[in-house]
C-alpha atoms as a PDB file:
ATOM      1  CA  MET A   1    -119.175-138.397  60.418  1.00  0.00           C
ATOM      2  CA  ASN A   2    -116.151-137.787  62.673  1.00  0.00           C
ATOM      3  CA  ASN A   3    -113.402-139.647  60.978  1.00  0.00           C
ATOM      4  CA  GLU A   4    -111.151-139.799  64.097  1.00  0.00           C
ATOM      5  CA  LYS A   5    -113.851-141.383  66.300  1.00  0.00           C
ATOM      6  CA  TRP A   6    -114.560-143.937  63.406  1.00  0.00           C
ATOM      7  CA  LEU A   7    -110.840-144.855  62.971  1.00  0.00           C
ATOM      8  CA  LYS A   8    -110.461-145.355  66.805  1.00  0.00           C
ATOM      9  CA  ALA A   9    -113.373-147.759  66.696  1.00  0.00           C
ATOM     10  CA  TYR A  10    -112.193-149.496  63.466  1.00  0.00           C
ATOM     11  CA  ARG A  11    -108.825-150.191  64.839  1.00  0.00           C
ATOM     12  CA  THR A  12    -110.381-152.456  67.513  1.00  0.00           C
ATOM     13  CA  ASN A  13    -111.638-154.870  64.887  1.00  0.00           C
ATOM     14  CA  LYS A  14    -110.404-154.415  61.332  1.00  0.00           C
ATOM     15  CA  ASP A  15    -112.125-157.631  60.045  1.00  0.00           C
ATOM     16  CA  ALA A  16    -115.591-156.722  60.975  1.00  0.00           C
ATOM     17  CA  VAL A  17    -118.444-155.434  58.821  1.00  0.00           C
ATOM     18  CA  TRP A  18    -119.243-152.167  60.640  1.00  0.00           C
ATOM     19  CA  ILE A  19    -122.566-150.489  61.190  1.00  0.00           C
ATOM     20  CA  LYS A  20    -122.037-146.727  61.179  1.00  0.00           C
ATOM     21  CA  CYS A  21    -124.673-144.188  61.868  1.00  0.00           C
ATOM     22  CA  ARG A  22    -125.474-140.655  62.793  1.00  0.00           C
ATOM     23  CA  LEU A  23    -128.733-139.916  64.702  1.00  0.00           C
ATOM     24  CA  THR A  24    -130.872-136.717  64.254  1.00  0.00           C
ATOM     25  CA  ASN A  25    -129.516-135.426  67.583  1.00  0.00           C
ATOM     26  CA  GLY A  26    -125.875-135.509  66.261  1.00  0.00           C
ATOM     27  CA  GLU A  27    -124.739-138.661  68.048  1.00  0.00           C
ATOM     28  CA  GLU A  28    -122.541-141.035  66.091  1.00  0.00           C
ATOM     29  CA  HIS A  29    -122.395-144.797  66.646  1.00  0.00           C
ATOM     30  CA  PHE A  30    -119.981-147.512  65.369  1.00  0.00           C
ATOM     31  CA  HIS A  31    -120.726-151.095  66.042  1.00  0.00           C
ATOM     32  CA  ALA A  32    -118.749-154.117  64.750  1.00  0.00           C
ATOM     33  CA  HIS A  33    -121.574-156.545  65.573  1.00  0.00           C
ATOM     34  CA  HIS A  34    -125.298-156.742  64.605  1.00  0.00           C
ATOM     35  CA  VAL A  35    -126.076-156.391  68.299  1.00  0.00           C
ATOM     36  CA  GLY A  36    -125.174-152.710  68.008  1.00  0.00           C
ATOM     37  CA  TRP A  37    -128.278-152.274  65.921  1.00  0.00           C
ATOM     38  CA  MET A  38    -130.415-153.164  68.932  1.00  0.00           C
ATOM     39  CA  VAL A  39    -128.486-150.534  70.969  1.00  0.00           C
ATOM     40  CA  ILE A  40    -129.243-147.926  68.283  1.00  0.00           C
ATOM     41  CA  ARG A  41    -132.861-148.834  68.119  1.00  0.00           C
ATOM     42  CA  ASP A  42    -133.220-148.595  71.977  1.00  0.00           C
ATOM     43  CA  LEU A  43    -131.426-145.244  71.926  1.00  0.00           C
ATOM     44  CA  CYS A  44    -133.742-143.933  69.146  1.00  0.00           C
ATOM     45  CA  HIS A  45    -136.798-144.846  71.122  1.00  0.00           C
ATOM     46  CA  ALA A  46    -135.522-143.562  74.392  1.00  0.00           C
ATOM     47  CA  LYS A  47    -134.369-140.270  72.972  1.00  0.00           C
ATOM     48  CA  ASN A  48    -137.141-139.871  70.420  1.00  0.00           C
ATOM     49  CA  VAL A  49    -134.631-139.483  67.533  1.00  0.00           C
ATOM     50  CA  PHE A  50    -134.074-141.273  64.184  1.00  0.00           C
ATOM     51  CA  VAL A  51    -131.161-142.366  62.103  1.00  0.00           C
ATOM     52  CA  GLU A  52    -130.047-139.509  59.883  1.00  0.00           C
ATOM     53  CA  GLU A  53    -127.161-141.421  58.210  1.00  0.00           C
ATOM     54  CA  LEU A  54    -126.516-145.063  57.926  1.00  0.00           C
ATOM     55  CA  TYR A  55    -123.510-146.949  56.400  1.00  0.00           C
ATOM     56  CA  LEU A  56    -122.033-150.453  56.216  1.00  0.00           C
ATOM     57  CA  GLN A  57    -118.392-150.766  56.001  1.00  0.00           C
ATOM     58  CA  PHE A  58    -115.835-153.558  55.397  1.00  0.00           C
ATOM     59  CA  ARG A  59    -112.397-152.302  55.522  1.00  0.00           C
ATOM     60  CA  SER A  60    -112.251-149.385  52.938  1.00  0.00           C
ATOM     61  CA  HIS A  61    -115.411-150.476  51.241  1.00  0.00           C
ATOM     62  CA  GLU A  62    -118.268-148.275  52.549  1.00  0.00           C
ATOM     63  CA  VAL A  63    -121.841-148.256  51.402  1.00  0.00           C
ATOM     64  CA  GLU A  64    -124.510-145.742  52.226  1.00  0.00           C
ATOM     65  CA  ILE A  65    -128.019-146.974  53.033  1.00  0.00           C
ATOM     66  CA  ASP A  66    -130.697-144.612  51.918  1.00  0.00           C
ATOM     67  CA  VAL A  67    -132.674-143.582  55.040  1.00  0.00           C
ATOM     68  CA  LYS A  68    -133.856-140.113  53.749  1.00  0.00           C
ATOM     69  CA  ASP A  69    -137.613-139.572  54.404  1.00  0.00           C
ATOM     70  CA  ALA A  70    -138.007-143.207  55.418  1.00  0.00           C
ATOM     71  CA  GLU A  71    -141.066-144.083  57.552  1.00  0.00           C
ATOM     72  CA  ALA A  72    -138.795-146.691  59.210  1.00  0.00           C
ATOM     73  CA  ILE A  73    -135.566-148.447  58.527  1.00  0.00           C
ATOM     74  CA  TYR A  74    -134.663-152.147  58.932  1.00  0.00           C
ATOM     75  CA  LEU A  75    -131.331-153.899  59.519  1.00  0.00           C
ATOM     76  CA  ILE A  76    -130.855-157.568  60.421  1.00  0.00           C
ATOM     77  CA  ARG A  77    -128.288-160.376  59.954  1.00  0.00           C
ATOM     78  CA  SER A  78    -129.540-163.161  57.716  1.00  0.00           C
ATOM     79  CA  VAL A  79    -128.384-166.266  55.964  1.00  0.00           C
ATOM     80  CA  MET A  80    -129.409-168.178  52.802  1.00  0.00           C
ATOM     81  CA  GLY A  81    -128.219-171.664  51.884  1.00  0.00           C
ATOM     82  CA  GLN A  82    -129.175-174.717  49.995  1.00  0.00           C
ATOM     83  CA  MET A  83    -128.378-178.336  50.644  1.00  0.00           C
ATOM     84  CA  GLY A  84    -124.942-179.131  49.208  1.00  0.00           C
ATOM     85  CA  ASN A  85    -124.107-175.492  48.447  1.00  0.00           C
ATOM     86  CA  LYS A  86    -122.329-172.810  50.304  1.00  0.00           C
ATOM     87  CA  THR A  87    -124.256-170.831  52.997  1.00  0.00           C
ATOM     88  CA  HIS A  88    -124.158-166.964  52.352  1.00  0.00           C
ATOM     89  CA  GLN A  89    -124.317-164.449  55.069  1.00  0.00           C
ATOM     90  CA  TYR A  90    -125.992-160.971  54.668  1.00  0.00           C
ATOM     91  CA  TYR A  91    -126.927-157.792  56.280  1.00  0.00           C
ATOM     92  CA  THR A  92    -130.488-157.215  55.119  1.00  0.00           C
ATOM     93  CA  THR A  93    -131.463-153.554  55.145  1.00  0.00           C
ATOM     94  CA  GLY A  94    -134.783-151.930  54.428  1.00  0.00           C
ATOM     95  CA  ARG A  95    -136.895-148.787  54.205  1.00  0.00           C
ATOM     96  CA  LEU A  96    -140.547-148.604  54.948  1.00  0.00           C
ATOM     97  CA  GLU A  97    -142.593-146.776  52.310  1.00  0.00           C
ATOM     98  CA  GLY A  98    -146.338-146.972  51.850  1.00  0.00           C
ATOM     99  CA  GLY A  99    -146.736-150.001  54.351  1.00  0.00           C
ATOM    100  CA  LYS A 100    -143.969-152.112  52.448  1.00  0.00           C
ATOM    101  CA  MET A 101    -140.535-152.793  53.518  1.00  0.00           C
ATOM    102  CA  HIS A 102    -138.200-152.534  50.481  1.00  0.00           C
ATOM    103  CA  LYS A 103    -135.189-154.665  51.263  1.00  0.00           C
ATOM    104  CA  GLN A 104    -131.769-155.168  50.017  1.00  0.00           C
ATOM    105  CA  MET A 105    -129.582-158.204  50.999  1.00  0.00           C
ATOM    106  CA  TRP A 106    -125.975-157.187  51.233  1.00  0.00           C
ATOM    107  CA  LEU A 107    -123.509-160.132  50.930  1.00  0.00           C
ATOM    108  CA  ILE A 108    -121.037-159.940  53.621  1.00  0.00           C
ATOM    109  CA  PRO A 109    -118.155-159.155  53.964  1.00  0.00           C
ATOM    110  CA  GLU A 110    -118.125-158.002  50.320  1.00  0.00           C
ATOM    111  CA  LEU A 111    -121.127-155.611  50.739  1.00  0.00           C
ATOM    112  CA  ILE A 112    -122.618-156.268  47.298  1.00  0.00           C
ATOM    113  CA  VAL A 113    -126.428-156.170  46.887  1.00  0.00           C
ATOM    114  CA  GLU A 114    -127.338-159.777  45.884  1.00  0.00           C
ATOM    115  CA  LYS A 115    -131.111-159.602  46.210  1.00  0.00           C
ATOM    116  CA  GLU A 116    -133.785-157.070  46.499  1.00  0.00           C
ATOM    117  CA  LEU A 117    -137.433-157.643  47.549  1.00  0.00           C
ATOM    118  CA  SER A 118    -140.429-155.941  49.104  1.00  0.00           C
ATOM    119  CA  ASP A 119    -142.277-157.469  52.194  1.00  0.00           C
ATOM    120  CA  GLU A 120    -145.382-156.662  54.124  1.00  0.00           C
ATOM    121  CA  LEU A 121    -144.497-155.048  57.490  1.00  0.00           C
ATOM    122  CA  ASP A 122    -145.875-158.111  59.322  1.00  0.00           C
ATOM    123  CA  GLU A 123    -143.382-160.397  57.540  1.00  0.00           C
ATOM    124  CA  CYS A 124    -140.364-158.363  59.061  1.00  0.00           C
ATOM    125  CA  PHE A 125    -138.630-158.948  62.364  1.00  0.00           C
ATOM    126  CA  GLU A 126    -140.087-156.148  64.581  1.00  0.00           C
ATOM    127  CA  GLU A 127    -136.891-156.012  66.682  1.00  0.00           C
ATOM    128  CA  ALA A 128    -134.958-155.002  63.580  1.00  0.00           C
ATOM    129  CA  ILE A 129    -137.116-151.971  62.791  1.00  0.00           C
ATOM    130  CA  ILE A 130    -136.484-148.302  63.862  1.00  0.00           C
ATOM    131  CA  TYR A 131    -139.505-146.148  63.297  1.00  0.00           C
ATOM    132  CA  ASN A 132    -139.269-142.511  62.329  1.00  0.00           C
ATOM    133  CA  GLU A 133    -141.719-141.064  64.964  1.00  0.00           C
ATOM    134  CA  GLU A 134    -141.460-137.608  63.367  1.00  0.00           C
ATOM    135  CA  ALA A 135    -142.635-138.860  59.934  1.00  0.00           C
ATOM    136  CA  LYS A 136    -145.261-140.873  61.701  1.00  0.00           C
ATOM    137  CA  LYS A 137    -146.544-137.809  63.648  1.00  0.00           C
ATOM    138  CA  ASN A 138    -146.496-135.747  60.374  1.00  0.00           C
ATOM    139  CA  ARG A 139    -148.578-138.408  58.571  1.00  0.00           C
ATOM    140  CA  GLN A 140    -151.206-138.486  61.269  1.00  0.00           C
ATOM    141  CA  GLU A 141    -151.534-134.648  61.168  1.00  0.00           C
END
C-alpha cells in the first residue's frame, strides 16, 4: 500500500480504527469509520472488482485480514454486552467458504481476536458482504 497516502489519511484522525484496503484494480482506500466499508462495497459492485488486501489498524497496530481466494468477505461493526458488565465493541470480519461465513470478532480499539465463529450466509448482514464475482463466475463454469 502507498504509505504516503495512508499517512496523509491517518493524520486526519489518529484515534480511529482504520479500514485499509487495496482493490484488484489497484485503487487504495482508507476509512476511519465503518461507513467506509459501504463505500468500498459499492465501488466493488460498480467497477466489478474485489478486495485484494484488507487491514484494520489502530495507531501503529495493524492486522491483516485474510481475503485470499475468498468467495466473499464480510466486515461489520458489532457490540456485545451483558447486564451489569461492560459493553465491548468489535469489528467482525469474515470470509465465505463453502457456504459458511467464518468470522472473527476483533475487539476495538485493541484489535485482538476475542471470538471466532461460523454462520450460515443467511445469518449475516447482507449489506456487510462483498462478493468476489470472479470466484463466483469460476465456480459456475
